[in-house]
PDB file of N, CA and C in Angstrom:
ATOM      1  N   GLY A   1     177.745  45.345 124.256  1.00  0.00           N
ATOM      2  CA  GLY A   1     178.173  46.149 123.134  1.00  0.00           C
ATOM      3  C   GLY A   1     176.641  46.931 121.445  1.00  0.00           C
ATOM      4  N   ILE A   2     177.451  47.564 120.656  1.00  0.00           N
ATOM      5  CA  ILE A   2     176.533  47.160 119.498  1.00  0.00           C
ATOM      6  C   ILE A   2     176.701  46.202 118.946  1.00  0.00           C
ATOM      7  N   GLN A   3     177.753  45.549 119.099  1.00  0.00           N
ATOM      8  CA  GLN A   3     177.484  44.495 117.830  1.00  0.00           C
ATOM      9  C   GLN A   3     176.576  43.261 118.594  1.00  0.00           C
ATOM     10  N   GLY A   4     176.467  43.379 119.822  1.00  0.00           N
ATOM     11  CA  GLY A   4     175.634  42.137 120.299  1.00  0.00           C
ATOM     12  C   GLY A   4     174.227  42.599 120.228  1.00  0.00           C
ATOM     13  N   ILE A   5     174.385  43.895 120.097  1.00  0.00           N
ATOM     14  CA  ILE A   5     172.576  44.150 119.907  1.00  0.00           C
ATOM     15  C   ILE A   5     172.020  44.185 117.849  1.00  0.00           C
ATOM     16  N   VAL A   6     173.369  44.477 117.616  1.00  0.00           N
ATOM     17  CA  VAL A   6     173.341  43.747 116.125  1.00  0.00           C
ATOM     18  C   VAL A   6     173.137  42.367 115.844  1.00  0.00           C
ATOM     19  N   ASP A   7     173.617  42.038 116.719  1.00  0.00           N
ATOM     20  CA  ASP A   7     173.778  40.396 116.548  1.00  0.00           C
ATOM     21  C   ASP A   7     172.022  39.855 116.718  1.00  0.00           C
ATOM     22  N   ALA A   8     171.107  40.037 117.984  1.00  0.00           N
ATOM     23  CA  ALA A   8     170.426  39.775 118.453  1.00  0.00           C
ATOM     24  C   ALA A   8     169.267  40.064 117.340  1.00  0.00           C
ATOM     25  N   TYR A   9     169.349  41.320 116.367  1.00  0.00           N
ATOM     26  CA  TYR A   9     168.786  41.975 115.908  1.00  0.00           C
ATOM     27  C   TYR A   9     168.477  40.915 114.839  1.00  0.00           C
ATOM     28  N   ARG A  10     169.370  40.887 114.103  1.00  0.00           N
ATOM     29  CA  ARG A  10     169.756  40.004 112.901  1.00  0.00           C
ATOM     30  C   ARG A  10     168.618  38.394 113.441  1.00  0.00           C
ATOM     31  N   GLN A  11     168.788  37.853 114.641  1.00  0.00           N
ATOM     32  CA  GLN A  11     168.982  36.681 114.883  1.00  0.00           C
ATOM     33  C   GLN A  11     167.715  36.463 115.105  1.00  0.00           C
ATOM     34  N   ILE A  12     166.665  37.633 115.564  1.00  0.00           N
ATOM     35  CA  ILE A  12     165.436  37.399 116.228  1.00  0.00           C
ATOM     36  C   ILE A  12     164.830  37.980 114.848  1.00  0.00           C
ATOM     37  N   LEU A  13     164.859  39.154 113.657  1.00  0.00           N
ATOM     38  CA  LEU A  13     163.913  39.251 112.475  1.00  0.00           C
ATOM     39  C   LEU A  13     163.792  38.929 111.430  1.00  0.00           C
ATOM     40  N   PRO A  14     163.915  37.497 111.127  1.00  0.00           N
ATOM     41  CA  PRO A  14     163.675  36.104 111.271  1.00  0.00           C
ATOM     42  C   PRO A  14     162.200  35.699 111.340  1.00  0.00           C
ATOM     43  N   GLN A  15     162.234  35.720 112.649  1.00  0.00           N
ATOM     44  CA  GLN A  15     161.374  35.498 113.844  1.00  0.00           C
ATOM     45  C   GLN A  15     159.770  36.209 113.754  1.00  0.00           C
ATOM     46  N   ILE A  16     159.922  37.535 113.440  1.00  0.00           N
ATOM     47  CA  ILE A  16     159.284  38.234 113.717  1.00  0.00           C
ATOM     48  C   ILE A  16     158.296  38.875 112.544  1.00  0.00           C
ATOM     49  N   ARG A  17     157.091  39.559 112.390  1.00  0.00           N
ATOM     50  CA  ARG A  17     156.717  40.420 111.770  1.00  0.00           C
ATOM     51  C   ARG A  17     156.490  40.916 112.118  1.00  0.00           C
ATOM     52  N   LEU A  18     157.123  42.374 111.193  1.00  0.00           N
ATOM     53  CA  LEU A  18     156.709  44.298 111.797  1.00  0.00           C
ATOM     54  C   LEU A  18     155.543  44.743 110.600  1.00  0.00           C
ATOM     55  N   TYR A  19     154.580  45.461 111.715  1.00  0.00           N
ATOM     56  CA  TYR A  19     153.475  45.958 111.288  1.00  0.00           C
ATOM     57  C   TYR A  19     153.342  46.933 111.676  1.00  0.00           C
ATOM     58  N   GLY A  20     152.143  47.946 111.109  1.00  0.00           N
ATOM     59  CA  GLY A  20     151.450  49.333 112.636  1.00  0.00           C
ATOM     60  C   GLY A  20     150.294  48.866 112.622  1.00  0.00           C
ATOM     61  N   PRO A  21     150.482  49.640 113.654  1.00  0.00           N
ATOM     62  CA  PRO A  21     151.224  51.455 113.324  1.00  0.00           C
ATOM     63  C   PRO A  21     152.405  51.127 114.659  1.00  0.00           C
ATOM     64  N   THR A  22     152.999  52.494 114.235  1.00  0.00           N
ATOM     65  CA  THR A  22     154.346  52.633 114.753  1.00  0.00           C
ATOM     66  C   THR A  22     153.779  53.188 115.837  1.00  0.00           C
ATOM     67  N   ASN A  23     153.421  52.844 116.568  1.00  0.00           N
ATOM     68  CA  ASN A  23     153.373  54.240 118.404  1.00  0.00           C
ATOM     69  C   ASN A  23     154.004  53.679 119.187  1.00  0.00           C
ATOM     70  N   PHE A  24     155.253  54.915 119.377  1.00  0.00           N
ATOM     71  CA  PHE A  24     155.883  54.920 119.820  1.00  0.00           C
ATOM     72  C   PHE A  24     155.624  55.157 121.557  1.00  0.00           C
ATOM     73  N   SER A  25     154.441  55.902 121.832  1.00  0.00           N
ATOM     74  CA  SER A  25     154.419  56.681 123.178  1.00  0.00           C
ATOM     75  C   SER A  25     154.023  55.504 124.332  1.00  0.00           C
ATOM     76  N   PRO A  26     153.553  54.856 123.827  1.00  0.00           N
ATOM     77  CA  PRO A  26     153.211  53.211 124.816  1.00  0.00           C
ATOM     78  C   PRO A  26     154.863  52.912 125.509  1.00  0.00           C
ATOM     79  N   ILE A  27     155.333  52.357 124.458  1.00  0.00           N
ATOM     80  CA  ILE A  27     156.449  51.607 125.311  1.00  0.00           C
ATOM     81  C   ILE A  27     157.564  52.422 125.854  1.00  0.00           C
ATOM     82  N   ILE A  28     157.580  54.271 125.417  1.00  0.00           N
ATOM     83  CA  ILE A  28     158.554  55.231 126.063  1.00  0.00           C
ATOM     84  C   ILE A  28     157.216  55.364 127.552  1.00  0.00           C
ATOM     85  N   ASN A  29     156.306  55.194 127.351  1.00  0.00           N
ATOM     86  CA  ASN A  29     155.578  55.793 129.206  1.00  0.00           C
ATOM     87  C   ASN A  29     155.902  54.643 130.104  1.00  0.00           C
ATOM     88  N   HIS A  30     155.971  52.942 129.581  1.00  0.00           N
ATOM     89  CA  HIS A  30     155.919  51.588 130.250  1.00  0.00           C
ATOM     90  C   HIS A  30     157.704  51.993 130.916  1.00  0.00           C
ATOM     91  N   VAL A  31     158.428  52.253 130.250  1.00  0.00           N
ATOM     92  CA  VAL A  31     159.664  52.414 130.320  1.00  0.00           C
ATOM     93  C   VAL A  31     160.063  53.631 131.864  1.00  0.00           C
ATOM     94  N   ALA A  32     159.490  55.004 131.135  1.00  0.00           N
ATOM     95  CA  ALA A  32     159.377  55.658 131.566  1.00  0.00           C
ATOM     96  C   ALA A  32     158.860  55.800 133.704  1.00  0.00           C
ATOM     97  N   ARG A  33     157.516  54.882 132.994  1.00  0.00           N
ATOM     98  CA  ARG A  33     157.145  54.154 134.901  1.00  0.00           C
ATOM     99  C   ARG A  33     158.507  53.629 135.674  1.00  0.00           C
ATOM    100  N   PHE A  34     158.872  53.391 134.715  1.00  0.00           N
ATOM    101  CA  PHE A  34     160.139  51.981 135.581  1.00  0.00           C
ATOM    102  C   PHE A  34     161.393  53.173 136.309  1.00  0.00           C
ATOM    103  N   ALA A  35     161.704  53.855 135.223  1.00  0.00           N
ATOM    104  CA  ALA A  35     162.809  54.586 136.310  1.00  0.00           C
ATOM    105  C   ALA A  35     162.247  56.170 137.043  1.00  0.00           C
ATOM    106  N   ALA A  36     160.715  56.152 136.883  1.00  0.00           N
ATOM    107  CA  ALA A  36     160.623  57.316 137.641  1.00  0.00           C
ATOM    108  C   ALA A  36     160.483  56.174 139.472  1.00  0.00           C
ATOM    109  N   HIS A  37     159.847  54.842 138.844  1.00  0.00           N
ATOM    110  CA  HIS A  37     160.256  54.412 140.240  1.00  0.00           C
ATOM    111  C   HIS A  37     161.290  54.176 141.076  1.00  0.00           C
ATOM    112  N   SER A  38     162.542  54.160 140.138  1.00  0.00           N
ATOM    113  CA  SER A  38     163.655  54.375 140.407  1.00  0.00           C
ATOM    114  C   SER A  38     164.303  54.870 141.269  1.00  0.00           C
ATOM    115  N   LEU A  39     164.054  56.663 140.606  1.00  0.00           N
ATOM    116  CA  LEU A  39     163.908  57.952 140.784  1.00  0.00           C
ATOM    117  C   LEU A  39     163.653  58.140 142.318  1.00  0.00           C
ATOM    118  N   GLN A  40     162.270  57.439 142.817  1.00  0.00           N
ATOM    119  CA  GLN A  40     161.608  57.700 143.844  1.00  0.00           C
ATOM    120  C   GLN A  40     162.331  56.926 145.040  1.00  0.00           C
ATOM    121  N   GLN A  41     163.322  56.259 144.596  1.00  0.00           N
ATOM    122  CA  GLN A  41     164.112  54.809 145.406  1.00  0.00           C
ATOM    123  C   GLN A  41     165.061  55.789 146.251  1.00  0.00           C
ATOM    124  N   GLY A  42     165.553  56.931 144.922  1.00  0.00           N
ATOM    125  CA  GLY A  42     166.295  58.103 146.328  1.00  0.00           C
ATOM    126  C   GLY A  42     167.847  57.597 145.670  1.00  0.00           C
ATOM    127  N   THR A  43     168.193  56.334 144.747  1.00  0.00           N
ATOM    128  CA  THR A  43     168.964  56.234 144.909  1.00  0.00           C
ATOM    129  C   THR A  43     169.652  56.058 143.508  1.00  0.00           C
ATOM    130  N   ALA A  44     171.198  56.387 143.083  1.00  0.00           N
ATOM    131  CA  ALA A  44     170.749  56.901 141.586  1.00  0.00           C
ATOM    132  C   ALA A  44     171.608  55.305 141.057  1.00  0.00           C
ATOM    133  N   ALA A  45     171.516  53.936 141.560  1.00  0.00           N
ATOM    134  CA  ALA A  45     171.576  52.857 141.231  1.00  0.00           C
ATOM    135  C   ALA A  45     170.893  51.989 139.987  1.00  0.00           C
ATOM    136  N   GLN A  46     170.074  52.962 139.199  1.00  0.00           N
ATOM    137  CA  GLN A  46     169.726  52.312 137.820  1.00  0.00           C
ATOM    138  C   GLN A  46     169.599  53.536 136.983  1.00  0.00           C
ATOM    139  N   TYR A  47     169.643  53.251 135.327  1.00  0.00           N
ATOM    140  CA  TYR A  47     169.323  53.838 134.458  1.00  0.00           C
ATOM    141  C   TYR A  47     169.041  52.996 133.421  1.00  0.00           C
ATOM    142  N   PHE A  48     167.949  53.921 132.564  1.00  0.00           N
ATOM    143  CA  PHE A  48     167.217  52.795 131.262  1.00  0.00           C
ATOM    144  C   PHE A  48     167.810  53.670 130.323  1.00  0.00           C
ATOM    145  N   ILE A  49     167.973  52.745 129.648  1.00  0.00           N
ATOM    146  CA  ILE A  49     167.896  52.875 127.678  1.00  0.00           C
ATOM    147  C   ILE A  49     167.513  52.264 127.262  1.00  0.00           C
ATOM    148  N   LEU A  50     166.593  52.694 126.490  1.00  0.00           N
ATOM    149  CA  LEU A  50     165.152  52.221 125.429  1.00  0.00           C
ATOM    150  C   LEU A  50     166.112  52.376 124.395  1.00  0.00           C
ATOM    151  N   LEU A  51     165.938  50.933 123.863  1.00  0.00           N
ATOM    152  CA  LEU A  51     167.020  51.167 121.919  1.00  0.00           C
ATOM    153  C   LEU A  51     165.202  51.256 121.661  1.00  0.00           C
ATOM    154  N   ILE A  52     165.083  51.929 120.130  1.00  0.00           N
ATOM    155  CA  ILE A  52     163.156  51.563 119.181  1.00  0.00           C
ATOM    156  C   ILE A  52     164.279  51.015 118.400  1.00  0.00           C
ATOM    157  N   ILE A  53     163.964  49.855 117.956  1.00  0.00           N
ATOM    158  CA  ILE A  53     164.570  49.616 115.907  1.00  0.00           C
ATOM    159  C   ILE A  53     163.167  49.530 115.419  1.00  0.00           C
ATOM    160  N   THR A  54     163.116  50.505 114.260  1.00  0.00           N
ATOM    161  CA  THR A  54     162.250  50.854 113.390  1.00  0.00           C
ATOM    162  C   THR A  54     161.971  50.802 112.013  1.00  0.00           C
ATOM    163  N   ASP A  55     160.796  50.535 111.428  1.00  0.00           N
ATOM    164  CA  ASP A  55     160.827  50.158 109.976  1.00  0.00           C
ATOM    165  C   ASP A  55     159.402  51.274 109.505  1.00  0.00           C
ATOM    166  N   GLY A  56     159.498  51.202 110.618  1.00  0.00           N
ATOM    167  CA  GLY A  56     157.614  52.261 109.786  1.00  0.00           C
ATOM    168  C   GLY A  56     157.941  53.806 110.464  1.00  0.00           C
ATOM    169  N   GLU A  57     156.957  54.941 109.700  1.00  0.00           N
ATOM    170  CA  GLU A  57     157.130  55.866 110.444  1.00  0.00           C
ATOM    171  C   GLU A  57     156.375  56.246 111.361  1.00  0.00           C
ATOM    172  N   ILE A  58     157.104  56.505 112.172  1.00  0.00           N
ATOM    173  CA  ILE A  58     155.938  57.128 113.922  1.00  0.00           C
ATOM    174  C   ILE A  58     154.855  57.806 113.527  1.00  0.00           C
ATOM    175  N   THR A  59     153.564  56.794 114.360  1.00  0.00           N
ATOM    176  CA  THR A  59     152.385  57.692 113.875  1.00  0.00           C
ATOM    177  C   THR A  59     151.238  58.093 114.523  1.00  0.00           C
ATOM    178  N   ASP A  60     151.904  58.397 116.190  1.00  0.00           N
ATOM    179  CA  ASP A  60     151.854  59.121 117.294  1.00  0.00           C
ATOM    180  C   ASP A  60     152.180  60.069 117.441  1.00  0.00           C
ATOM    181  N   LEU A  61     152.634  60.927 116.853  1.00  0.00           N
ATOM    182  CA  LEU A  61     154.109  62.054 116.735  1.00  0.00           C
ATOM    183  C   LEU A  61     153.474  62.800 118.071  1.00  0.00           C
ATOM    184  N   ASP A  62     152.701  63.224 117.861  1.00  0.00           N
ATOM    185  CA  ASP A  62     152.162  64.263 119.111  1.00  0.00           C
ATOM    186  C   ASP A  62     152.038  63.567 120.847  1.00  0.00           C
ATOM    187  N   GLN A  63     151.758  62.584 120.310  1.00  0.00           N
ATOM    188  CA  GLN A  63     151.788  61.847 121.581  1.00  0.00           C
ATOM    189  C   GLN A  63     153.686  61.076 122.446  1.00  0.00           C
ATOM    190  N   THR A  64     154.098  60.788 121.214  1.00  0.00           N
ATOM    191  CA  THR A  64     155.358  60.607 121.688  1.00  0.00           C
ATOM    192  C   THR A  64     156.499  61.388 122.298  1.00  0.00           C
ATOM    193  N   ARG A  65     155.710  62.846 121.285  1.00  0.00           N
ATOM    194  CA  ARG A  65     156.401  63.680 121.620  1.00  0.00           C
ATOM    195  C   ARG A  65     156.223  63.840 123.187  1.00  0.00           C
ATOM    196  N   GLN A  66     154.778  64.123 124.049  1.00  0.00           N
ATOM    197  CA  GLN A  66     154.876  64.423 124.744  1.00  0.00           C
ATOM    198  C   GLN A  66     155.586  63.142 125.695  1.00  0.00           C
ATOM    199  N   ALA A  67     155.622  62.044 125.473  1.00  0.00           N
ATOM    200  CA  ALA A  67     156.576  61.315 126.239  1.00  0.00           C
ATOM    201  C   ALA A  67     157.277  61.729 126.436  1.00  0.00           C
ATOM    202  N   ILE A  68     158.685  61.690 125.273  1.00  0.00           N
ATOM    203  CA  ILE A  68     159.855  62.209 125.195  1.00  0.00           C
ATOM    204  C   ILE A  68     160.097  63.360 126.880  1.00  0.00           C
ATOM    205  N   VAL A  69     158.565  63.965 126.625  1.00  0.00           N
ATOM    206  CA  VAL A  69     159.393  65.685 127.431  1.00  0.00           C
ATOM    207  C   VAL A  69     159.040  64.909 129.151  1.00  0.00           C
ATOM    208  N   ASN A  70     158.363  63.981 128.885  1.00  0.00           N
ATOM    209  CA  ASN A  70     158.023  63.572 130.106  1.00  0.00           C
ATOM    210  C   ASN A  70     158.903  62.522 130.803  1.00  0.00           C
ATOM    211  N   ALA A  71     159.297  62.287 130.273  1.00  0.00           N
ATOM    212  CA  ALA A  71     160.681  61.391 130.514  1.00  0.00           C
ATOM    213  C   ALA A  71     162.122  61.814 130.462  1.00  0.00           C
ATOM    214  N   SER A  72     162.127  63.884 130.332  1.00  0.00           N
ATOM    215  CA  SER A  72     163.441  64.312 130.090  1.00  0.00           C
ATOM    216  C   SER A  72     164.174  64.586 131.642  1.00  0.00           C
ATOM    217  N   LYS A  73     163.750  64.412 132.267  1.00  0.00           N
ATOM    218  CA  LYS A  73     163.759  64.560 133.361  1.00  0.00           C
ATOM    219  C   LYS A  73     164.319  63.155 134.481  1.00  0.00           C
ATOM    220  N   LEU A  74     164.455  61.965 133.573  1.00  0.00           N
ATOM    221  CA  LEU A  74     163.794  61.245 134.349  1.00  0.00           C
ATOM    222  C   LEU A  74     165.272  60.799 134.457  1.00  0.00           C
ATOM    223  N   PRO A  75     166.082  59.012 134.869  1.00  0.00           N
ATOM    224  CA  PRO A  75     167.479  58.565 134.542  1.00  0.00           C
ATOM    225  C   PRO A  75     166.882  57.546 133.114  1.00  0.00           C
ATOM    226  N   MET A  76     166.490  58.126 131.990  1.00  0.00           N
ATOM    227  CA  MET A  76     166.709  57.191 131.024  1.00  0.00           C
ATOM    228  C   MET A  76     167.381  57.731 130.082  1.00  0.00           C
ATOM    229  N   SER A  77     167.142  57.017 128.550  1.00  0.00           N
ATOM    230  CA  SER A  77     167.762  57.959 127.325  1.00  0.00           C
ATOM    231  C   SER A  77     167.185  56.810 126.239  1.00  0.00           C
ATOM    232  N   ILE A  78     166.552  57.726 125.501  1.00  0.00           N
ATOM    233  CA  ILE A  78     165.514  56.888 124.149  1.00  0.00           C
ATOM    234  C   ILE A  78     166.633  56.631 123.062  1.00  0.00           C
ATOM    235  N   ILE A  79     166.466  56.102 122.641  1.00  0.00           N
ATOM    236  CA  ILE A  79     166.991  55.912 120.872  1.00  0.00           C
ATOM    237  C   ILE A  79     166.388  55.037 119.866  1.00  0.00           C
ATOM    238  N   ILE A  80     166.178  55.750 119.073  1.00  0.00           N
ATOM    239  CA  ILE A  80     165.924  55.475 117.489  1.00  0.00           C
ATOM    240  C   ILE A  80     165.942  55.178 117.091  1.00  0.00           C
ATOM    241  N   VAL A  81     165.756  54.257 116.078  1.00  0.00           N
ATOM    242  CA  VAL A  81     166.697  53.859 115.061  1.00  0.00           C
ATOM    243  C   VAL A  81     165.820  53.287 114.024  1.00  0.00           C
ATOM    244  N   GLY A  82     165.817  53.973 112.501  1.00  0.00           N
ATOM    245  CA  GLY A  82     165.098  53.619 111.454  1.00  0.00           C
ATOM    246  C   GLY A  82     165.970  53.093 110.570  1.00  0.00           C
ATOM    247  N   VAL A  83     165.122  51.825 110.265  1.00  0.00           N
ATOM    248  CA  VAL A  83     165.757  51.153 109.867  1.00  0.00           C
ATOM    249  C   VAL A  83     164.408  50.636 108.222  1.00  0.00           C
ATOM    250  N   GLY A  84     165.349  50.062 106.979  1.00  0.00           N
ATOM    251  CA  GLY A  84     164.542  49.818 105.450  1.00  0.00           C
ATOM    252  C   GLY A  84     164.240  51.447 105.145  1.00  0.00           C
ATOM    253  N   GLU A  85     163.116  51.370 103.417  1.00  0.00           N
ATOM    254  CA  GLU A  85     163.162  52.637 103.377  1.00  0.00           C
ATOM    255  C   GLU A  85     161.968  53.826 103.760  1.00  0.00           C
ATOM    256  N   ALA A  86     161.338  53.445 104.670  1.00  0.00           N
ATOM    257  CA  ALA A  86     160.273  54.723 105.490  1.00  0.00           C
ATOM    258  C   ALA A  86     161.354  55.562 104.860  1.00  0.00           C
ATOM    259  N   SER A  87     160.576  57.273 105.233  1.00  0.00           N
ATOM    260  CA  SER A  87     160.832  58.475 105.273  1.00  0.00           C
ATOM    261  C   SER A  87     160.276  58.333 107.213  1.00  0.00           C
ATOM    262  N   PHE A  88     161.979  58.986 107.435  1.00  0.00           N
ATOM    263  CA  PHE A  88     162.602  59.019 109.346  1.00  0.00           C
ATOM    264  C   PHE A  88     162.327  60.189 109.651  1.00  0.00           C
TER     265      PHE A  88
END
Protein backbone atom coordinates (compact mmCIF):
# COMPACT_ATOMS: atom_id res chain seq x y z
CA GLY A 1 0.00 0.00 0.00
CA ILE A 2 0.87 3.67 0.11
CA GLN A 3 2.38 3.45 3.58
CA GLY A 4 4.73 0.71 2.35
CA ILE A 5 5.89 2.96 -0.48
CA VAL A 6 6.47 5.87 1.91
CA ASP A 7 8.33 3.62 4.36
CA ALA A 8 10.55 2.24 1.58
CA TYR A 9 11.28 5.77 0.34
CA ARG A 10 12.25 6.97 3.82
CA GLN A 11 14.44 3.93 4.36
CA ILE A 12 16.39 4.25 1.10
CA LEU A 13 16.66 8.07 0.92
CA PRO A 14 19.69 8.36 3.26
CA GLN A 15 21.55 5.79 1.14
CA ILE A 16 21.18 7.50 -2.26
CA ARG A 17 22.45 10.68 -3.84
CA LEU A 18 19.94 12.64 -5.89
CA TYR A 19 21.33 14.48 -8.90
CA GLY A 20 20.38 15.68 -12.38
CA PRO A 21 19.62 15.84 -15.13
CA THR A 22 16.10 14.58 -14.50
CA ASN A 23 15.24 12.55 -17.60
CA PHE A 24 12.05 10.52 -17.34
CA SER A 25 11.70 9.23 -20.89
CA PRO A 26 14.33 6.44 -20.56
CA ILE A 27 12.57 4.77 -17.60
CA ILE A 28 9.11 5.27 -19.12
CA ASN A 29 10.27 3.66 -22.37
CA HIS A 30 11.93 0.83 -20.44
CA VAL A 31 8.77 -0.07 -18.51
CA ALA A 32 6.69 0.40 -21.67
CA ARG A 33 8.73 -2.35 -23.35
CA PHE A 34 7.72 -4.75 -20.56
CA ALA A 35 4.08 -3.70 -20.91
CA ALA A 36 4.19 -4.06 -24.70
CA HIS A 37 5.64 -7.54 -24.37
CA SER A 38 2.91 -8.46 -21.90
CA LEU A 39 0.28 -7.14 -24.30
CA GLN A 40 1.69 -9.28 -27.13
CA GLN A 41 1.16 -12.38 -24.99
CA GLY A 42 -2.58 -11.94 -25.53
CA THR A 43 -3.52 -12.12 -21.85
CA ALA A 44 -4.44 -9.42 -19.40
CA ALA A 45 -2.44 -11.10 -16.67
CA GLN A 46 0.04 -8.27 -16.09
CA TYR A 47 -0.40 -4.55 -15.44
CA PHE A 48 2.51 -2.24 -14.71
CA ILE A 49 2.56 0.79 -12.42
CA LEU A 50 5.58 3.08 -12.73
CA LEU A 51 6.00 5.36 -9.72
CA ILE A 52 8.58 8.09 -10.23
CA ILE A 53 9.53 10.10 -7.14
CA THR A 54 11.59 13.10 -8.17
CA ASP A 55 13.23 16.11 -6.56
CA GLY A 56 13.92 17.90 -9.82
CA GLU A 57 12.18 19.40 -12.79
CA ILE A 58 11.89 17.23 -15.91
CA THR A 59 14.78 18.09 -18.24
CA ASP A 60 13.60 16.02 -21.22
CA LEU A 61 10.02 17.28 -21.27
CA ASP A 62 9.36 16.77 -25.00
CA GLN A 63 10.74 13.21 -24.94
CA THR A 64 8.81 12.47 -21.73
CA ARG A 65 5.55 13.68 -23.30
CA GLN A 66 6.15 11.46 -26.33
CA ALA A 67 7.01 8.47 -24.14
CA ILE A 68 3.77 8.94 -22.19
CA VAL A 69 1.75 9.21 -25.41
CA ASN A 70 3.43 6.08 -26.78
CA ALA A 71 2.68 4.18 -23.55
CA SER A 72 -0.93 5.40 -23.28
CA LYS A 73 -2.43 2.31 -24.94
CA LEU A 74 -0.34 -0.16 -22.94
CA PRO A 75 -1.33 -1.93 -19.72
CA MET A 76 0.49 0.54 -17.51
CA SER A 77 0.05 3.63 -15.38
CA ILE A 78 2.63 6.34 -14.75
CA ILE A 79 2.58 8.28 -11.49
CA ILE A 80 5.03 11.16 -11.01
CA VAL A 81 5.41 12.62 -7.52
CA GLY A 82 7.51 15.72 -6.90
CA VAL A 83 9.20 16.16 -3.53
CA GLY A 84 11.18 19.11 -2.27
CA GLU A 85 11.37 22.74 -3.31
CA ALA A 86 11.59 22.43 -7.13
CA SER A 87 8.92 23.90 -9.39
CA PHE A 88 6.97 20.89 -10.63
